[in-house]
Every structure is written in C-alpha cells, then in structure tokens.
Protein backbone atom coordinates (compact mmCIF):
# COMPACT_ATOMS: atom_id res chain seq x y z
CA MET A 1 -151.35 24.19 21.80
CA ASP A 2 -152.88 26.46 24.39
CA THR A 3 -155.93 27.65 25.48
CA THR A 4 -155.59 30.54 24.15
CA SER A 5 -154.39 29.50 20.65
CA GLY A 6 -157.61 27.10 21.07
CA THR A 7 -159.89 29.87 21.16
CA ALA A 8 -157.76 31.78 18.56
CA PHE A 9 -158.10 29.21 15.72
CA LEU A 10 -162.04 28.75 16.25
CA ALA A 11 -162.52 32.42 15.77
CA ASN A 12 -160.47 32.58 12.77
CA LEU A 13 -162.47 29.46 11.36
CA GLY A 14 -166.12 30.97 12.75
CA SER A 15 -165.24 34.48 10.78
CA SER A 16 -164.03 32.72 7.57
CA PRO A 17 -166.33 30.33 5.27
CA ALA A 18 -163.96 29.71 3.27
CA LEU A 19 -161.76 28.01 5.44
CA ILE A 20 -164.32 26.09 6.15
CA ASN A 21 -164.97 24.49 3.04
CA GLY A 22 -161.41 23.75 2.76
CA LEU A 23 -161.81 22.00 5.65
CA VAL A 24 -164.97 19.93 4.39
CA ALA A 25 -163.12 18.67 1.06
CA GLY A 26 -160.63 17.96 2.97
CA VAL A 27 -161.76 15.86 4.88
CA LEU A 28 -164.16 14.41 1.45
CA VAL A 29 -160.84 13.90 -0.05
CA GLY A 30 -159.60 11.68 2.74
CA LEU A 31 -162.31 10.11 2.99
CA ILE A 32 -162.19 8.99 -0.92
CA LEU A 33 -158.45 7.95 -0.54
CA ALA A 34 -159.16 5.46 2.76
CA GLY A 35 -161.53 4.45 0.54
CA LEU A 36 -159.48 3.47 -2.52
CA ALA A 37 -156.71 2.50 0.04
CA PHE A 38 -159.75 0.01 1.15
CA LEU A 39 -159.81 -0.79 -2.33
CA ILE A 40 -156.83 -1.62 -3.31
CA ALA A 41 -156.04 -3.21 -0.20
CA ARG A 42 -158.88 -5.96 -0.14
CA PRO A 43 -157.41 -7.60 -3.34
CA ARG A 44 -154.03 -7.63 -2.15
CA ARG A 45 -155.48 -9.50 1.39
CA ALA A 46 -156.79 -12.09 -1.19
CA ALA A 47 -153.33 -11.85 -2.87
CA ALA A 48 -151.66 -12.36 0.08
CA GLU A 49 -153.97 -15.43 1.56
CA ARG A 50 -153.79 -17.18 -1.78
CA ALA A 51 -149.26 -16.65 -1.04
CA ALA A 52 -150.26 -18.20 1.84
CA GLU A 53 -151.76 -20.85 1.04
CA ILE A 54 -149.59 -21.46 -1.74
CA ALA A 55 -146.72 -21.55 0.24
CA ASP A 56 -148.00 -23.58 2.99
CA MET A 57 -148.35 -25.82 0.20
CA ARG A 58 -144.86 -25.38 -0.95
CA ALA A 59 -144.14 -25.69 2.42
CA ILE A 60 -146.13 -29.35 2.93
CA GLU A 61 -144.03 -30.31 -0.10
CA LEU A 62 -140.87 -28.98 0.45
CA GLY A 63 -141.28 -30.78 3.85
CA ALA A 64 -142.03 -34.46 1.67
CA ARG A 65 -138.92 -33.50 0.06
CA VAL A 66 -136.74 -32.52 2.71
CA GLN A 67 -138.01 -35.78 4.40
CA GLN A 68 -137.14 -37.73 1.36
CA MET A 69 -133.63 -36.32 0.99
CA GLY A 70 -133.04 -37.12 4.85
CA GLU A 71 -133.91 -40.35 4.05
CA LEU A 72 -131.70 -40.27 0.62
CA LEU A 73 -129.00 -38.71 2.96
CA ALA A 74 -129.66 -41.46 5.51
CA LYS A 75 -128.52 -44.19 2.52
CA ALA A 76 -126.53 -42.07 1.35
CA GLN A 77 -124.39 -41.57 5.03
CA ILE A 78 -124.94 -45.39 5.85
CA GLN A 79 -123.64 -46.49 2.01
CA LEU A 80 -121.02 -43.83 2.93
CA GLN A 81 -119.94 -45.30 6.26
CA THR A 82 -119.46 -48.69 4.52
CA THR A 83 -117.57 -47.25 1.53
CA VAL A 84 -115.98 -45.86 4.37
CA ASN A 85 -115.27 -48.73 6.73
CA GLU A 86 -114.40 -50.97 3.96
CA ARG A 87 -111.81 -48.10 2.47
CA LEU A 88 -110.40 -47.78 6.14
CA ASP A 89 -109.83 -51.88 6.36
CA ALA A 90 -108.34 -51.93 3.37
CA VAL A 91 -106.19 -49.19 4.28
CA THR A 92 -106.05 -50.40 7.91
CA GLN A 93 -104.37 -53.89 5.18
CA ASN A 94 -102.07 -52.14 3.70
CA LEU A 95 -100.22 -50.29 6.25
CA GLY A 96 -100.13 -53.22 8.65
CA THR A 97 -98.36 -54.31 4.96
CA SER A 98 -96.40 -51.54 5.04
CA MET A 99 -95.20 -51.55 7.67
CA GLN A 100 -94.50 -55.09 8.00
CA ALA A 101 -92.69 -54.29 4.13
CA ALA A 102 -90.59 -50.97 6.19
CA THR A 103 -89.70 -52.51 9.32
CA LYS A 104 -88.38 -55.51 7.88
CA ASN A 105 -86.16 -53.16 5.56
CA THR A 106 -85.52 -51.06 8.90
CA SER A 107 -84.21 -54.27 10.31
CA ASP A 108 -82.12 -55.28 7.09
CA ASN A 109 -80.48 -51.69 6.53
CA LEU A 110 -79.43 -51.19 10.45
CA GLN A 111 -78.04 -55.46 10.11
CA LYS A 112 -75.88 -53.78 6.88
CA LEU A 113 -74.82 -50.17 8.94
CA ASN A 114 -74.20 -52.72 11.59
CA GLU A 115 -71.82 -54.61 9.43
CA ARG A 116 -70.20 -50.96 7.44
CA LEU A 117 -70.03 -49.40 11.47
CA ALA A 118 -67.79 -53.02 12.10
CA VAL A 119 -65.94 -52.55 9.03
CA ILE A 120 -65.62 -48.85 10.05
CA ASP A 121 -64.40 -49.67 13.08
CA HIS A 122 -61.50 -52.30 11.79
CA ALA A 123 -60.41 -50.18 9.22
CA GLN A 124 -60.15 -47.09 12.03
CA LYS A 125 -58.13 -50.24 13.94
CA ASN A 126 -56.08 -50.38 10.57
CA LEU A 127 -55.60 -46.72 10.64
CA THR A 128 -54.63 -46.71 15.08
CA ASP A 129 -52.05 -49.36 14.20
CA LEU A 130 -50.72 -47.35 10.82
CA ALA A 131 -50.46 -44.36 12.17
CA SER A 132 -48.33 -45.95 15.55
CA GLN A 133 -46.03 -48.06 12.96
CA VAL A 134 -45.82 -44.51 10.75
CA THR A 135 -45.11 -43.48 14.22
CA SER A 136 -42.33 -46.34 14.91
CA LEU A 137 -41.24 -45.56 11.42
CA ARG A 138 -40.23 -42.45 12.18
CA ASP A 139 -38.51 -43.04 15.11
CA VAL A 140 -36.66 -45.82 13.04
CA LEU A 141 -35.31 -43.40 10.88
CA SER A 142 -34.55 -40.52 12.79
CA ASN A 143 -31.71 -42.93 14.33
CA LYS A 144 -28.65 -43.73 11.81
CA GLN A 145 -27.86 -47.25 12.58
CA THR A 146 -31.55 -47.90 12.45
CA ARG A 147 -32.07 -46.36 9.11
CA GLY A 148 -29.03 -48.23 8.06
CA ALA A 149 -30.72 -51.35 9.01
CA PHE A 150 -34.01 -50.66 7.31
CA GLY A 151 -32.62 -50.27 4.35
CA GLN A 152 -30.25 -52.87 3.91
CA GLY A 153 -33.42 -55.30 5.52
CA ARG A 154 -35.96 -53.76 2.02
CA MET A 155 -32.70 -54.60 -0.03
CA GLU A 156 -32.43 -58.06 1.29
CA ALA A 157 -35.65 -58.90 1.04
CA ILE A 158 -35.98 -57.36 -2.82
CA ILE A 159 -33.02 -59.96 -3.40
CA GLN A 160 -34.41 -62.85 -1.73
CA ASP A 161 -38.01 -62.26 -3.34
CA GLY A 162 -36.09 -62.78 -6.59
CA LEU A 163 -32.88 -64.34 -6.86
CA PRO A 164 -32.63 -67.69 -6.19
CA LYS A 165 -30.65 -69.10 -3.22
CA GLY A 166 -26.37 -69.91 -4.01
CA SER A 167 -26.66 -66.69 -6.56
CA TYR A 168 -26.51 -63.63 -4.04
CA GLU A 169 -24.27 -63.32 -0.61
CA PHE A 170 -24.73 -60.83 2.30
CA GLN A 171 -21.99 -59.34 3.73
CA HIS A 172 -19.37 -61.27 2.17
CA THR A 173 -15.89 -60.42 2.53
CA LEU A 174 -13.44 -59.31 -0.35
CA THR A 175 -10.17 -59.96 -1.10
CA ASN A 176 -9.41 -56.46 0.46
CA GLY A 177 -11.23 -57.21 3.93
CA LYS A 178 -14.50 -54.93 3.02
CA ARG A 179 -17.34 -56.45 2.92
CA PRO A 180 -20.13 -54.81 1.56
CA ASP A 181 -23.79 -55.41 2.41
CA CYS A 182 -24.84 -57.98 -0.24
CA VAL A 183 -23.05 -59.58 -3.33
CA VAL A 184 -24.72 -60.96 -6.87
CA TYR A 185 -23.39 -63.62 -8.48
CA LEU A 186 -23.14 -63.46 -12.36
CA PRO A 187 -22.50 -65.92 -14.91
CA ASP A 188 -18.63 -64.84 -15.26
CA GLN A 189 -18.15 -65.86 -11.45
CA ARG A 190 -17.94 -61.76 -10.88
CA PRO A 191 -20.02 -60.35 -8.22
CA LEU A 192 -22.27 -57.48 -8.21
CA VAL A 193 -21.61 -55.66 -5.37
CA ILE A 194 -24.82 -53.90 -4.09
CA ASP A 195 -24.50 -51.52 -0.90
CA ALA A 196 -27.75 -49.78 0.57
CA LYS A 197 -27.18 -45.82 1.47
CA PHE A 198 -30.30 -43.51 2.77
CA PRO A 199 -28.95 -39.34 3.03
CA LEU A 200 -31.94 -38.69 4.71
CA GLU A 201 -31.37 -36.34 7.26
CA ALA A 202 -29.06 -34.42 3.97
CA VAL A 203 -32.72 -34.56 2.15
CA THR A 204 -35.42 -33.59 4.79
CA ALA A 205 -33.15 -30.56 5.45
CA PHE A 206 -33.42 -29.21 1.91
CA ARG A 207 -37.23 -30.01 1.36
CA ASP A 208 -37.85 -28.13 4.90
CA GLY A 209 -36.01 -25.52 4.04
CA LYS A 210 -37.82 -21.70 3.75
CA THR A 211 -35.45 -19.48 2.82
CA GLU A 212 -32.96 -19.45 -0.06
CA ASP A 213 -29.87 -19.78 1.79
CA GLU A 214 -30.91 -22.83 4.43
CA ARG A 215 -32.07 -24.95 0.35
CA LYS A 216 -28.89 -23.68 -0.91
CA HIS A 217 -27.00 -24.49 2.56
CA ALA A 218 -28.98 -28.29 2.93
CA ALA A 219 -28.30 -28.60 -1.52
CA ALA A 220 -24.52 -28.69 0.20
CA ARG A 221 -25.06 -30.71 2.49
CA VAL A 222 -26.40 -33.30 -0.07
CA ARG A 223 -23.75 -33.37 -2.28
CA GLN A 224 -21.66 -33.62 0.73
CA ASP A 225 -22.99 -36.36 1.69
CA VAL A 226 -24.13 -38.24 -1.15
CA MET A 227 -20.84 -38.30 -3.29
CA LYS A 228 -19.37 -39.51 0.44
CA HIS A 229 -21.68 -42.43 -0.04
CA VAL A 230 -20.27 -43.00 -4.19
CA ASN A 231 -16.41 -42.35 -2.55
CA ASP A 232 -16.52 -45.41 -0.73
CA ILE A 233 -18.50 -48.18 -2.30
CA ALA A 234 -16.24 -46.98 -5.17
CA GLU A 235 -12.37 -46.88 -3.14
CA LYS A 236 -13.78 -49.95 -0.99
CA TYR A 237 -16.07 -52.60 -3.27
CA LEU A 238 -15.36 -52.19 -6.72
CA CYS A 239 -12.29 -54.48 -7.00
CA PRO A 240 -10.39 -54.21 -10.51
CA GLY A 241 -10.61 -58.61 -11.53
CA GLU A 242 -12.66 -59.58 -8.67
CA THR A 243 -15.87 -58.07 -8.66
CA GLN A 244 -18.03 -56.38 -11.28
CA ASP A 245 -16.66 -53.26 -13.08
CA VAL A 246 -19.79 -51.17 -11.41
CA ALA A 247 -21.31 -51.42 -8.37
CA LEU A 248 -25.27 -50.22 -7.28
CA MET A 249 -25.67 -47.79 -4.09
CA PHE A 250 -29.26 -49.23 -3.27
CA VAL A 251 -31.41 -46.08 -2.43
CA PRO A 252 -34.27 -47.06 -0.23
CA SER A 253 -37.00 -44.48 -0.45
CA GLU A 254 -38.45 -43.64 -4.03
CA SER A 255 -39.19 -39.99 -3.09
CA VAL A 256 -35.43 -39.80 -1.78
CA TYR A 257 -34.20 -41.38 -5.01
CA ALA A 258 -36.56 -39.02 -7.27
CA GLU A 259 -35.29 -35.98 -5.40
CA LEU A 260 -31.87 -36.62 -5.87
CA HIS A 261 -32.39 -37.34 -9.67
CA ASP A 262 -34.92 -34.26 -10.06
CA GLY A 263 -32.10 -31.47 -8.15
CA PHE A 264 -29.11 -33.11 -8.31
CA ASP A 265 -28.15 -34.08 -11.82
CA ASP A 266 -24.51 -33.30 -11.03
CA VAL A 267 -24.54 -36.12 -8.22
CA VAL A 268 -26.22 -38.77 -10.21
CA GLN A 269 -22.97 -37.99 -13.34
CA LYS A 270 -20.48 -37.71 -11.15
CA ALA A 271 -21.80 -41.36 -9.40
CA TYR A 272 -21.66 -42.67 -12.81
CA ARG A 273 -18.54 -41.55 -13.59
CA ALA A 274 -17.43 -43.53 -10.48
CA GLN A 275 -18.78 -47.01 -11.67
CA VAL A 276 -21.51 -46.54 -8.80
CA MET A 277 -25.41 -46.46 -10.28
CA MET A 278 -27.96 -45.41 -7.57
CA VAL A 279 -31.16 -47.56 -7.49
CA SER A 280 -34.51 -46.78 -6.15
CA PRO A 281 -36.28 -50.16 -4.51
CA THR A 282 -38.48 -50.26 -7.91
CA LEU A 283 -35.38 -49.84 -9.68
CA LEU A 284 -33.24 -52.72 -7.64
CA MET A 285 -36.19 -55.34 -8.98
CA LEU A 286 -35.78 -54.38 -11.53
CA ALA A 287 -31.70 -55.45 -12.42
CA ILE A 288 -32.77 -58.36 -10.10
CA GLN A 289 -35.13 -59.86 -12.93
CA VAL A 290 -32.25 -59.13 -15.74
CA ILE A 291 -30.33 -60.29 -13.66
CA GLN A 292 -32.40 -63.74 -13.07
CA GLN A 293 -33.08 -63.95 -16.80
CA ILE A 294 -29.20 -63.83 -17.78
CA GLN A 295 -28.53 -66.43 -14.68
CA LYS A 296 -31.42 -68.56 -16.17
CA ASP A 297 -29.40 -67.58 -19.73
CA SER A 298 -27.12 -69.16 -18.62
CA GLN A 299 -27.97 -72.21 -17.08
CA MET A 300 -29.90 -72.69 -20.45
CA ARG A 301 -26.32 -72.52 -22.49
CA GLU A 302 -24.69 -74.90 -19.79
CA ALA A 303 -27.83 -77.44 -20.50
CA ALA A 304 -27.49 -77.44 -24.17
CA ASP A 305 -23.90 -78.48 -24.36
CA ALA A 306 -25.28 -81.24 -21.80
CA ILE A 307 -28.77 -81.81 -23.82
CA ARG A 308 -25.97 -81.92 -26.79
CA THR A 309 -23.91 -85.00 -25.50
CA GLU A 310 -26.52 -86.20 -24.73
CA VAL A 311 -28.62 -86.68 -27.81
CA GLY A 312 -25.48 -87.63 -29.20
CA HIS A 313 -25.03 -91.21 -27.13
CA MET A 314 -28.83 -91.27 -27.71
CA LEU A 315 -28.06 -91.61 -31.65
CA LYS A 316 -25.17 -94.19 -30.43
CA ASP A 317 -27.83 -95.77 -28.94
CA VAL A 318 -30.08 -95.68 -32.18
CA ARG A 319 -28.24 -97.26 -34.80
CA LEU A 320 -26.88 -99.81 -31.65
CA LEU A 321 -30.95 -100.49 -31.76
CA GLY A 322 -31.02 -100.25 -35.60
CA GLU A 323 -28.62 -103.30 -36.04
CA ARG A 324 -30.37 -105.21 -33.40
CA VAL A 325 -33.70 -105.04 -35.55
CA ARG A 326 -32.28 -106.00 -38.39
CA LYS A 327 -30.40 -109.41 -36.61
CA LEU A 328 -33.86 -109.98 -35.34
CA GLN A 329 -35.54 -109.51 -38.23
CA THR A 330 -33.13 -112.40 -39.77
CA HIS A 331 -34.06 -114.14 -36.94
CA PHE A 332 -37.73 -114.13 -37.66
CA GLY A 333 -37.09 -114.84 -41.08
CA GLN A 334 -35.07 -117.82 -40.30
CA THR A 335 -37.77 -119.14 -38.14
CA ASN A 336 -40.78 -118.22 -40.53
CA GLU A 337 -38.77 -120.57 -42.92
CA ASP A 338 -38.64 -123.61 -40.58
CA LEU A 339 -42.45 -123.08 -39.68
CA ASN A 340 -43.52 -123.08 -42.91
CA THR A 341 -41.58 -126.57 -43.38
CA ILE A 342 -42.72 -127.83 -40.32
CA LEU A 343 -46.38 -127.20 -41.54
CA THR A 344 -45.46 -129.07 -44.54
CA SER A 345 -44.43 -131.80 -42.79
CA SER A 346 -47.47 -132.00 -40.52
CA GLY A 347 -49.94 -131.90 -43.44
CA ARG A 348 -48.10 -134.81 -45.32
CA ILE A 349 -48.66 -136.89 -42.16
CA GLU A 350 -52.52 -135.88 -42.07
CA LYS A 351 -52.65 -137.42 -45.50
CA ARG A 352 -51.44 -140.17 -44.70
CA ALA A 353 -53.05 -140.36 -41.52
CA GLY A 354 -56.14 -140.04 -43.66
CA ARG A 355 -55.72 -142.32 -45.96
CA ILE A 356 -54.90 -144.96 -42.96
CA GLU A 357 -57.79 -144.12 -42.19
CA GLU A 358 -59.51 -145.58 -45.61
CA LEU A 359 -58.42 -148.68 -45.24
CA ASP A 360 -60.52 -151.66 -44.48
CA PHE A 361 -58.30 -154.24 -42.16
CA ASP A 362 -61.32 -156.89 -42.65
CA ASP A 363 -61.01 -158.04 -46.03
CA ALA A 364 -57.30 -157.00 -46.62
CA PRO A 365 -54.63 -159.59 -46.63
CA ALA A 366 -52.32 -158.38 -43.28
CA GLY A 367 -49.14 -158.81 -45.55
CA ARG A 368 -50.44 -156.14 -48.14
CA ILE A 369 -51.94 -153.71 -45.59
CA ALA A 370 -47.83 -154.42 -44.24
CA ALA A 371 -46.33 -153.53 -47.29
CA ALA A 372 -48.92 -150.59 -47.72
CA ALA A 373 -47.83 -149.35 -45.10
CA VAL A 374 -44.00 -149.70 -45.04
CA ARG A 375 -44.27 -148.37 -48.81
CA GLY A 376 -46.20 -145.30 -46.68
CA ILE A 377 -43.62 -145.00 -44.32
CA GLU A 378 -40.51 -144.96 -47.11
CA ALA A 379 -42.66 -142.21 -49.87
CA ALA A 380 -43.27 -139.82 -46.12
CA GLU A 381 -39.54 -140.07 -45.62
C-alpha cells in the first residue's frame, strides 16, 4: 500500500464512527477467540505431555521387550545354527554315502557297458566277417563251376551226416559209364541216384526282371534250363534194373526251390513224369532220414532171422541141459542113499564103542571080555 492510499484510509476512518465500532468489535472478537484457543490448547498440551510420558513408558517397555526378543532371537539363532550344523553333518554324511554308492554303481555300470561294448565289437567283427563271407559266396555263386561244386559239397555234407559209411558212394560209375554225384544203396541193392543242379542265373534273372517282357523271357529261360537238367538226369542216370526207378535232383537253395514250385508248376509236373524229383536241402534231409529208417528196418529183419536161428540152437542147448540136470539129480539121489547107509553104520560103531567104554576090565575075566568083544563084532557084521 502506498502513502496516498494510507492517508485516504485514515481520512475515511476518522469520518466514519460505524467503521470504528466495527473495528473495535473485531478486535474484541479476536481477543475472545485467542482466549478460547488458549483455553482449548492448554488441556491439549497436558494431554500431549501425558501422551509423551506414556510414549516414553511404552518406549522403555518396548525397549525391554526388544531386548528380551533379542535375547530370545540370539538363543533361537544359536539353536538354529546348532540344528543347521547337525543337519548339515547328516546331509554331508548321507551325501558321502550316496556319492560312494553312486560311484560304485557308476563303476559297475561302466564295467557292464565295457563288457557290452566288447560284445558289440565282437558282433561287429562277426558282421564284418559275415559280410566278407557273403561277398565271397556271391563271387562263388557267380561262376558255374564253383556254383556246381558248392551244390555238390552241400549235398555231400547232408548225406554224410545222415547215413553211415558204406551205404552211399560219391561219383559212382554206372554200367553205361555215367557218374552221378551220389548214389545211395537201398536194401534191394539198387542204388538211388542223387545229382545236384543249381539253376541260379535263370531264376535270378526272373526275379530281377522289371518289365513284363523281361520276366517272360527269364521265365522261358528258367523252364529251358530246368528241363535240360531233368532230361540229363533221366537219360544218363536212370538205368532199368540197375538203379531205382526214381532219381533225385538236388537244388541247394531253399529260395530257388520255392521259386520253382511257386511259379513253375508245369516244370515240376514234367519232372515228376520223367521220374525225377526235385528236392531242397530240407527235403533231402527228410529223404535221407526215411532211407536211414528203411535201412534200419532191413537190418532188423536180417537180425531177426539170425536171432530166430540162435534161439533154436539155444532151445536145443536148454533141453540138453535139462537132461544133464536130471541125470545129476539121479546121481545125487544115489549119493544121498549111500550117505544114509554110511551114517547108519557110523551110529552102530559109536554105540559099540560106548558099550566097550562101559566095561570094567579090572574085575571081569579076560576070556569073557574077549568073548563079549567077539560077539559084538559078529553082531556088527
């Protein structure tokens, strides 16, 4: 407020009594309000002081409680630390035991794993060897001569395992000069001819044929090759009166034999009509077993005749033995009678000896004793 404004205000105040009265009233009211405020503030101050005292007491009590809680917390912390240490020791011990067990199990598992790895390595080596053998076998089968030798070797192994020596012969020469791979002698002394054939190339071409024309051409080749083998066996090795009426054509592969029977039934029927039977390794083993049984039956029949003859001789010996036993029994009877007679005489002699012992030689006269002795001897005679 500037000087001009203050001067104007005082001039207005002096010229207006109402304004002065209002000002005075306002001052009074302010004083009254100040007194009331003082009166009101005094109990509030006392309450504040009491509240402060209570707060101090509560602070002291709180401090005591805090100290007590601190002590309890310290004890609890010590107990907790002890418990934690014990638990840690137990966990450490269990962990050590578990680690030892785990180490042992791991060591055992590693040992087993090494053993299995060794087995796997051995199996891998066997697979490698088998692969090389398969490769060499494929090389062998790709050549006709080696393939024929393979089939003949397999046939010879089957026959040697199933029949005793002397009942078969390899490369036997017939009267016409032909030499089949094997002949087996049957009880009627006519050999059964077995010849090994392996039409692998034609069958492989038939299997590998992709088009219908290729398969048709390969099928014709299979029929031609197989029938050539059948006709060769029928013409060369079937000799009437010398060999059996049927010959066996050995096919040394089960898959090739199955292919011929499944897809070329007409060829199989033609072979039957030509008295040539195609056999696989399994069927050849069965045929060998049947032949072995036939040979055993024949041997048993021959042995039965020999046994019957020997039994007849044995019966004669038994009859002769019976007669001799009866004669011996008669001799034993006579011997028993002689023994009974001897025992009777011996008893009499013993009685006479007893009587002689009872005699008194001191009192009896010598003549009477001699006479008694003579009578005793005469009576005994």
